Amino acid sequence: MATPLLTVTALLATTGPAAAATTRCSDYQYQTAPSVTNVAMKTCVVKNGSARYAYVLIEQARTSGGKTWDLFKVHARLERNDANIATKWCDFTDDMNKYLSPRLICYTATVTSSSTGGWTGDGVIVFNFNLDGLGDKSRALTGSPSVS
């Protein structure tokens, strides 16, 4: 898959005070599945004043319906200097099986801090392909660039 499934421009387009927010995201990372399914993922961190949060964006494209995943969970992490500050698990299994092209986002809680430097978004996916007999697998995602 050479290009992102969808652009995140719409996600980042804001108006009013939120326009001052700074968002930094990793490049897209890809996971394929045996049933002609591609998943594009990126980790992001957002700074808006002294508030910070992270998220993992998941975009799937598949050619047919049915059950592709026995499990698809995302662990989003807001980190400062590689230490977890806020984390969130999101179970996207049902949506990944129900829709051909879902666009899903797993957000951490927002943290207010005056500490500057080293804030990043990171994540892990835990997945299991339907009927492959290989069980659950996990994959660490590349973290986002940092914000202050």
N, C-alpha and C. Protein backbone atom coordinates (compact mmCIF):
# COMPACT_ATOMS: atom_id res chain seq x y z
N MET A 1 0.85 -1.16 0.00
CA MET A 1 0.00 0.00 0.00
C MET A 1 0.90 1.23 0.00
N ALA A 2 0.86 2.00 -1.04
CA ALA A 2 1.80 3.09 -1.23
C ALA A 2 1.34 4.40 -0.61
N THR A 3 0.04 4.60 -0.47
CA THR A 3 -0.45 5.87 0.07
C THR A 3 -1.41 5.60 1.21
N PRO A 4 -1.58 6.55 2.12
CA PRO A 4 -2.52 6.38 3.21
C PRO A 4 -3.92 6.14 2.66
N LEU A 5 -4.70 5.39 3.42
CA LEU A 5 -6.06 5.10 3.00
C LEU A 5 -6.90 6.36 2.95
N LEU A 6 -6.75 7.20 3.93
CA LEU A 6 -7.45 8.48 3.98
C LEU A 6 -6.47 9.50 4.52
N THR A 7 -6.67 10.74 4.21
CA THR A 7 -5.80 11.75 4.80
C THR A 7 -6.33 12.14 6.16
N VAL A 8 -5.50 12.61 7.00
CA VAL A 8 -5.94 13.05 8.31
C VAL A 8 -6.19 14.54 8.33
N THR A 9 -6.21 15.16 7.18
CA THR A 9 -6.45 16.60 7.09
C THR A 9 -7.75 16.98 7.78
N ALA A 10 -8.81 16.23 7.53
CA ALA A 10 -10.09 16.55 8.13
C ALA A 10 -10.03 16.45 9.65
N LEU A 11 -9.29 15.48 10.16
CA LEU A 11 -9.16 15.32 11.59
C LEU A 11 -8.46 16.51 12.22
N LEU A 12 -7.47 17.04 11.54
CA LEU A 12 -6.66 18.10 12.11
C LEU A 12 -7.21 19.50 11.83
N ALA A 13 -8.16 19.60 10.93
CA ALA A 13 -8.72 20.91 10.62
C ALA A 13 -9.61 21.35 11.78
N THR A 14 -9.24 22.44 12.41
CA THR A 14 -10.00 22.94 13.54
C THR A 14 -10.23 24.43 13.37
N THR A 15 -11.14 24.94 14.14
CA THR A 15 -11.40 26.37 14.13
C THR A 15 -11.34 26.89 15.55
N GLY A 16 -11.29 28.19 15.69
CA GLY A 16 -11.30 28.81 17.01
C GLY A 16 -10.00 28.55 17.76
N PRO A 17 -10.09 28.53 19.10
CA PRO A 17 -8.91 28.41 19.94
C PRO A 17 -8.11 27.14 19.69
N ALA A 18 -8.76 26.05 19.30
CA ALA A 18 -8.05 24.79 19.08
C ALA A 18 -7.07 24.88 17.91
N ALA A 19 -7.22 25.90 17.06
CA ALA A 19 -6.33 26.05 15.91
C ALA A 19 -4.89 26.25 16.34
N ALA A 20 -4.66 26.66 17.59
CA ALA A 20 -3.30 26.86 18.09
C ALA A 20 -2.65 25.54 18.49
N ALA A 21 -3.39 24.46 18.45
CA ALA A 21 -2.85 23.15 18.84
C ALA A 21 -1.76 22.71 17.86
N THR A 22 -0.77 22.01 18.39
CA THR A 22 0.29 21.43 17.59
C THR A 22 0.11 19.92 17.59
N THR A 23 0.07 19.33 16.41
CA THR A 23 -0.07 17.88 16.27
C THR A 23 1.13 17.34 15.51
N ARG A 24 1.73 16.28 16.04
CA ARG A 24 2.84 15.60 15.38
C ARG A 24 2.48 14.12 15.26
N CYS A 25 2.63 13.56 14.05
CA CYS A 25 2.27 12.16 13.81
C CYS A 25 3.42 11.40 13.15
N SER A 26 3.47 10.13 13.42
CA SER A 26 4.42 9.25 12.74
C SER A 26 3.97 9.10 11.28
N ASP A 27 4.84 8.53 10.48
CA ASP A 27 4.42 8.13 9.14
C ASP A 27 3.43 6.98 9.27
N TYR A 28 2.69 6.73 8.20
CA TYR A 28 1.79 5.58 8.21
C TYR A 28 2.60 4.29 8.32
N GLN A 29 2.05 3.35 9.06
CA GLN A 29 2.61 2.01 9.22
C GLN A 29 1.51 1.05 8.77
N TYR A 30 1.88 -0.06 8.17
CA TYR A 30 0.88 -0.92 7.52
C TYR A 30 0.91 -2.34 8.08
N GLN A 31 -0.28 -2.91 8.12
CA GLN A 31 -0.45 -4.31 8.48
C GLN A 31 -1.39 -4.93 7.47
N THR A 32 -1.02 -6.06 6.92
CA THR A 32 -1.91 -6.76 5.99
C THR A 32 -2.51 -7.96 6.71
N ALA A 33 -3.61 -8.44 6.15
CA ALA A 33 -4.28 -9.63 6.68
C ALA A 33 -4.46 -10.61 5.53
N PRO A 34 -4.62 -11.88 5.83
CA PRO A 34 -4.74 -12.89 4.77
C PRO A 34 -5.92 -12.68 3.83
N SER A 35 -6.95 -11.98 4.26
CA SER A 35 -8.17 -11.87 3.45
C SER A 35 -8.25 -10.57 2.66
N VAL A 36 -7.19 -10.20 1.98
CA VAL A 36 -7.13 -8.98 1.16
C VAL A 36 -7.58 -7.77 1.97
N THR A 37 -6.94 -7.60 3.09
CA THR A 37 -7.22 -6.50 4.00
C THR A 37 -5.92 -5.76 4.29
N ASN A 38 -5.98 -4.44 4.22
CA ASN A 38 -4.83 -3.61 4.57
C ASN A 38 -5.25 -2.64 5.66
N VAL A 39 -4.37 -2.45 6.61
CA VAL A 39 -4.62 -1.52 7.70
C VAL A 39 -3.47 -0.52 7.75
N ALA A 40 -3.80 0.78 7.74
CA ALA A 40 -2.83 1.86 7.87
C ALA A 40 -2.98 2.45 9.27
N MET A 41 -1.85 2.68 9.94
CA MET A 41 -1.88 3.16 11.32
C MET A 41 -0.85 4.25 11.50
N LYS A 42 -1.16 5.20 12.36
CA LYS A 42 -0.16 6.19 12.75
C LYS A 42 -0.40 6.59 14.19
N THR A 43 0.69 6.96 14.86
CA THR A 43 0.62 7.45 16.24
C THR A 43 0.80 8.96 16.22
N CYS A 44 0.07 9.64 17.09
CA CYS A 44 0.10 11.11 17.10
C CYS A 44 0.10 11.63 18.53
N VAL A 45 0.64 12.83 18.69
CA VAL A 45 0.59 13.55 19.95
C VAL A 45 0.10 14.96 19.65
N VAL A 46 -0.70 15.51 20.56
CA VAL A 46 -1.27 16.85 20.40
C VAL A 46 -0.94 17.68 21.63
N LYS A 47 -0.50 18.92 21.38
CA LYS A 47 -0.27 19.88 22.45
C LYS A 47 -1.15 21.09 22.17
N ASN A 48 -1.93 21.49 23.16
CA ASN A 48 -2.77 22.67 23.06
C ASN A 48 -2.60 23.44 24.37
N GLY A 49 -1.74 24.44 24.36
CA GLY A 49 -1.40 25.14 25.60
C GLY A 49 -0.65 24.19 26.51
N SER A 50 -1.14 23.99 27.73
CA SER A 50 -0.49 23.06 28.66
C SER A 50 -1.15 21.67 28.62
N ALA A 51 -2.13 21.49 27.75
CA ALA A 51 -2.81 20.19 27.63
C ALA A 51 -2.16 19.35 26.54
N ARG A 52 -2.04 18.05 26.82
CA ARG A 52 -1.46 17.12 25.85
C ARG A 52 -2.22 15.81 25.87
N TYR A 53 -2.36 15.20 24.70
CA TYR A 53 -2.94 13.86 24.61
C TYR A 53 -2.35 13.18 23.38
N ALA A 54 -2.53 11.88 23.32
CA ALA A 54 -2.03 11.09 22.20
C ALA A 54 -3.19 10.28 21.62
N TYR A 55 -2.99 9.82 20.39
CA TYR A 55 -3.96 8.92 19.79
C TYR A 55 -3.30 8.05 18.74
N VAL A 56 -3.97 6.94 18.46
CA VAL A 56 -3.57 6.05 17.38
C VAL A 56 -4.72 6.05 16.38
N LEU A 57 -4.40 6.36 15.14
CA LEU A 57 -5.37 6.38 14.04
C LEU A 57 -5.26 5.05 13.29
N ILE A 58 -6.40 4.40 13.08
CA ILE A 58 -6.46 3.13 12.37
C ILE A 58 -7.39 3.31 11.17
N GLU A 59 -6.92 2.98 9.98
CA GLU A 59 -7.74 3.04 8.76
C GLU A 59 -7.61 1.69 8.05
N GLN A 60 -8.73 1.04 7.85
CA GLN A 60 -8.73 -0.27 7.21
C GLN A 60 -9.36 -0.19 5.82
N ALA A 61 -8.85 -0.98 4.91
CA ALA A 61 -9.46 -1.13 3.58
C ALA A 61 -9.46 -2.62 3.26
N ARG A 62 -10.65 -3.15 3.02
CA ARG A 62 -10.74 -4.56 2.63
C ARG A 62 -11.73 -4.71 1.50
N THR A 63 -11.57 -5.75 0.74
CA THR A 63 -12.36 -5.91 -0.49
C THR A 63 -13.67 -6.65 -0.29
N SER A 64 -13.83 -7.36 0.83
CA SER A 64 -15.07 -8.09 1.05
C SER A 64 -15.42 -8.10 2.53
N GLY A 65 -16.68 -8.35 2.81
CA GLY A 65 -17.16 -8.39 4.18
C GLY A 65 -16.83 -9.73 4.83
N GLY A 66 -17.36 -9.90 6.03
CA GLY A 66 -17.10 -11.13 6.77
C GLY A 66 -16.15 -10.87 7.91
N LYS A 67 -15.85 -11.94 8.61
CA LYS A 67 -15.00 -11.82 9.79
C LYS A 67 -13.54 -11.99 9.39
N THR A 68 -12.78 -10.92 9.48
CA THR A 68 -11.34 -10.95 9.22
C THR A 68 -10.56 -11.12 10.51
N TRP A 69 -11.07 -10.55 11.59
CA TRP A 69 -10.33 -10.46 12.85
C TRP A 69 -11.04 -11.21 13.98
N ASP A 70 -10.29 -12.03 14.70
CA ASP A 70 -10.77 -12.56 15.97
C ASP A 70 -10.50 -11.56 17.07
N LEU A 71 -9.51 -10.70 16.85
CA LEU A 71 -9.14 -9.67 17.83
C LEU A 71 -8.41 -8.55 17.12
N PHE A 72 -8.76 -7.31 17.45
CA PHE A 72 -7.99 -6.15 17.00
C PHE A 72 -8.12 -5.08 18.08
N LYS A 73 -7.10 -4.99 18.93
CA LYS A 73 -7.07 -4.01 20.02
C LYS A 73 -5.90 -3.06 19.81
N VAL A 74 -6.08 -1.85 20.29
CA VAL A 74 -5.07 -0.80 20.17
C VAL A 74 -4.76 -0.28 21.57
N HIS A 75 -3.48 -0.11 21.86
CA HIS A 75 -3.05 0.50 23.11
C HIS A 75 -2.36 1.82 22.76
N ALA A 76 -3.05 2.93 23.01
CA ALA A 76 -2.50 4.27 22.77
C ALA A 76 -1.82 4.75 24.04
N ARG A 77 -0.66 5.40 23.85
CA ARG A 77 0.09 5.89 25.00
C ARG A 77 0.58 7.32 24.78
N LEU A 78 0.34 8.17 25.76
CA LEU A 78 0.97 9.48 25.83
C LEU A 78 2.20 9.29 26.71
N GLU A 79 3.36 9.64 26.15
CA GLU A 79 4.61 9.44 26.88
C GLU A 79 5.36 10.76 27.02
N ARG A 80 6.14 10.84 28.07
CA ARG A 80 7.10 11.94 28.20
C ARG A 80 8.44 11.30 28.48
N ASN A 81 9.39 11.52 27.56
CA ASN A 81 10.72 10.91 27.67
C ASN A 81 10.61 9.39 27.84
N ASP A 82 9.72 8.77 27.04
CA ASP A 82 9.49 7.33 27.00
C ASP A 82 8.86 6.74 28.27
N ALA A 83 8.36 7.57 29.17
CA ALA A 83 7.62 7.09 30.34
C ALA A 83 6.13 7.30 30.09
N ASN A 84 5.33 6.29 30.36
CA ASN A 84 3.88 6.40 30.16
C ASN A 84 3.28 7.43 31.11
N ILE A 85 2.52 8.36 30.53
CA ILE A 85 1.82 9.37 31.32
C ILE A 85 0.31 9.10 31.31
N ALA A 86 -0.23 8.73 30.16
CA ALA A 86 -1.65 8.35 30.05
C ALA A 86 -1.75 7.24 28.99
N THR A 87 -2.57 6.24 29.26
CA THR A 87 -2.73 5.13 28.31
C THR A 87 -4.21 4.81 28.16
N LYS A 88 -4.52 4.17 27.05
CA LYS A 88 -5.92 3.77 26.80
C LYS A 88 -5.91 2.54 25.89
N TRP A 89 -6.68 1.52 26.24
CA TRP A 89 -6.92 0.36 25.39
C TRP A 89 -8.24 0.56 24.68
N CYS A 90 -8.28 0.29 23.39
CA CYS A 90 -9.50 0.35 22.60
C CYS A 90 -9.66 -0.98 21.85
N ASP A 91 -10.83 -1.58 21.97
CA ASP A 91 -11.11 -2.83 21.25
C ASP A 91 -11.91 -2.49 20.00
N PHE A 92 -11.27 -2.59 18.84
CA PHE A 92 -11.90 -2.25 17.56
C PHE A 92 -12.32 -3.50 16.77
N THR A 93 -12.31 -4.67 17.40
CA THR A 93 -12.59 -5.92 16.70
C THR A 93 -13.93 -5.86 15.96
N ASP A 94 -14.99 -5.46 16.64
CA ASP A 94 -16.32 -5.44 16.01
C ASP A 94 -16.38 -4.50 14.82
N ASP A 95 -15.85 -3.28 14.96
CA ASP A 95 -15.88 -2.32 13.86
C ASP A 95 -15.00 -2.77 12.69
N MET A 96 -13.88 -3.40 12.98
CA MET A 96 -12.99 -3.87 11.91
C MET A 96 -13.65 -4.99 11.11
N ASN A 97 -14.51 -5.78 11.75
CA ASN A 97 -15.22 -6.85 11.06
C ASN A 97 -16.51 -6.38 10.40
N LYS A 98 -17.12 -5.36 10.95
CA LYS A 98 -18.43 -4.90 10.47
C LYS A 98 -18.32 -4.03 9.22
N TYR A 99 -17.29 -3.18 9.14
CA TYR A 99 -17.17 -2.21 8.06
C TYR A 99 -15.99 -2.54 7.14
N LEU A 100 -16.12 -2.22 5.87
CA LEU A 100 -15.03 -2.45 4.92
C LEU A 100 -13.91 -1.44 5.09
N SER A 101 -14.26 -0.18 5.38
CA SER A 101 -13.25 0.88 5.45
C SER A 101 -13.46 1.79 6.66
N PRO A 102 -13.38 1.22 7.86
CA PRO A 102 -13.56 2.10 9.03
C PRO A 102 -12.33 2.97 9.27
N ARG A 103 -12.58 4.11 9.86
CA ARG A 103 -11.52 5.03 10.31
C ARG A 103 -11.73 5.20 11.80
N LEU A 104 -10.83 4.63 12.60
CA LEU A 104 -11.01 4.54 14.04
C LEU A 104 -9.87 5.23 14.76
N ILE A 105 -10.19 5.86 15.90
CA ILE A 105 -9.18 6.59 16.65
C ILE A 105 -9.28 6.20 18.12
N CYS A 106 -8.15 5.85 18.69
CA CYS A 106 -8.05 5.53 20.12
C CYS A 106 -7.31 6.67 20.80
N TYR A 107 -8.02 7.44 21.64
CA TYR A 107 -7.46 8.61 22.32
C TYR A 107 -7.08 8.27 23.76
N THR A 108 -5.97 8.82 24.23
CA THR A 108 -5.66 8.77 25.65
C THR A 108 -6.44 9.90 26.33
N ALA A 109 -6.41 9.92 27.64
CA ALA A 109 -6.95 11.06 28.38
C ALA A 109 -6.05 12.27 28.12
N THR A 110 -6.61 13.44 28.31
CA THR A 110 -5.84 14.69 28.20
C THR A 110 -5.16 14.96 29.53
N VAL A 111 -3.89 15.31 29.47
CA VAL A 111 -3.09 15.59 30.66
C VAL A 111 -2.68 17.06 30.60
N THR A 112 -2.81 17.75 31.73
CA THR A 112 -2.35 19.14 31.83
C THR A 112 -1.03 19.14 32.57
N SER A 113 -0.01 19.75 31.95
CA SER A 113 1.32 19.76 32.57
C SER A 113 2.09 20.98 32.08
N SER A 114 2.88 21.56 32.98
CA SER A 114 3.75 22.67 32.59
C SER A 114 5.13 22.16 32.15
N SER A 115 5.36 20.85 32.27
CA SER A 115 6.64 20.26 31.84
C SER A 115 6.76 20.35 30.32
N THR A 116 7.92 20.77 29.85
CA THR A 116 8.11 20.91 28.41
C THR A 116 9.12 19.89 27.90
N GLY A 117 8.98 19.57 26.63
CA GLY A 117 9.92 18.68 25.95
C GLY A 117 9.62 17.22 26.16
N GLY A 118 9.85 16.43 25.11
CA GLY A 118 9.80 14.99 25.21
C GLY A 118 8.44 14.33 25.18
N TRP A 119 7.37 15.05 24.84
CA TRP A 119 6.02 14.48 24.79
C TRP A 119 5.81 13.79 23.44
N THR A 120 5.44 12.52 23.47
CA THR A 120 5.21 11.75 22.24
C THR A 120 3.97 10.87 22.37
N GLY A 121 3.47 10.44 21.24
CA GLY A 121 2.42 9.44 21.19
C GLY A 121 3.03 8.13 20.73
N ASP A 122 2.56 7.03 21.31
CA ASP A 122 3.08 5.72 20.95
C ASP A 122 1.94 4.72 21.02
N GLY A 123 2.18 3.52 20.55
CA GLY A 123 1.11 2.55 20.59
C GLY A 123 1.54 1.14 20.23
N VAL A 124 0.65 0.22 20.49
CA VAL A 124 0.81 -1.20 20.18
C VAL A 124 -0.52 -1.69 19.66
N ILE A 125 -0.50 -2.59 18.69
CA ILE A 125 -1.72 -3.28 18.30
C ILE A 125 -1.58 -4.75 18.70
N VAL A 126 -2.68 -5.32 19.13
CA VAL A 126 -2.76 -6.75 19.42
C VAL A 126 -3.85 -7.28 18.51
N PHE A 127 -3.52 -8.28 17.70
CA PHE A 127 -4.47 -8.74 16.69
C PHE A 127 -4.41 -10.25 16.51
N ASN A 128 -5.48 -10.79 15.95
CA ASN A 128 -5.57 -12.21 15.67
C ASN A 128 -6.40 -12.37 14.41
N PHE A 129 -5.79 -12.91 13.37
CA PHE A 129 -6.50 -13.14 12.12
C PHE A 129 -7.48 -14.32 12.30
N ASN A 130 -8.68 -14.17 11.79
CA ASN A 130 -9.68 -15.22 11.87
C ASN A 130 -9.21 -16.47 11.12
N LEU A 131 -9.31 -17.59 11.75
CA LEU A 131 -9.06 -18.92 11.17
C LEU A 131 -7.63 -19.18 10.71
N ASP A 132 -6.64 -18.41 11.19
CA ASP A 132 -5.27 -18.72 10.78
C ASP A 132 -4.59 -19.69 11.74
N GLY A 133 -5.20 -19.90 12.92
CA GLY A 133 -4.67 -20.86 13.87
C GLY A 133 -3.40 -20.44 14.59
N LEU A 134 -2.99 -19.18 14.44
CA LEU A 134 -1.72 -18.74 15.02
C LEU A 134 -1.87 -17.94 16.31
N GLY A 135 -3.10 -17.69 16.75
CA GLY A 135 -3.30 -16.98 18.01
C GLY A 135 -3.04 -15.49 17.92
N ASP A 136 -3.01 -14.85 19.10
CA ASP A 136 -2.82 -13.41 19.19
C ASP A 136 -1.37 -13.03 18.89
N LYS A 137 -1.21 -11.91 18.21
CA LYS A 137 0.11 -11.35 17.91
C LYS A 137 0.09 -9.89 18.37
N SER A 138 1.25 -9.35 18.67
CA SER A 138 1.31 -7.93 19.00
C SER A 138 2.39 -7.28 18.13
N ARG A 139 2.18 -6.00 17.92
CA ARG A 139 3.12 -5.24 17.11
C ARG A 139 3.25 -3.85 17.70
N ALA A 140 4.48 -3.47 18.02
CA ALA A 140 4.74 -2.11 18.50
C ALA A 140 4.74 -1.17 17.30
N LEU A 141 4.08 -0.05 17.45
CA LEU A 141 4.06 0.97 16.40
C LEU A 141 5.20 1.96 16.64
N THR A 142 5.66 2.59 15.59
CA THR A 142 6.66 3.64 15.72
C THR A 142 5.99 4.85 16.35
N GLY A 143 6.65 5.44 17.32
CA GLY A 143 6.10 6.60 18.02
C GLY A 143 6.13 7.85 17.17
N SER A 144 5.38 8.83 17.61
CA SER A 144 5.30 10.12 16.91
C SER A 144 6.54 10.96 17.20
N PRO A 145 6.77 11.97 16.37
CA PRO A 145 7.75 12.99 16.76
C PRO A 145 7.26 13.70 18.03
N SER A 146 8.13 14.40 18.71
CA SER A 146 7.76 15.00 19.98
C SER A 146 7.23 16.43 19.84
N VAL A 147 6.48 16.83 20.86
CA VAL A 147 6.07 18.23 21.02
C VAL A 147 6.64 18.69 22.36
N SER A 148 6.70 20.00 22.54
CA SER A 148 7.29 20.51 23.79
C SER A 148 6.31 20.45 24.94
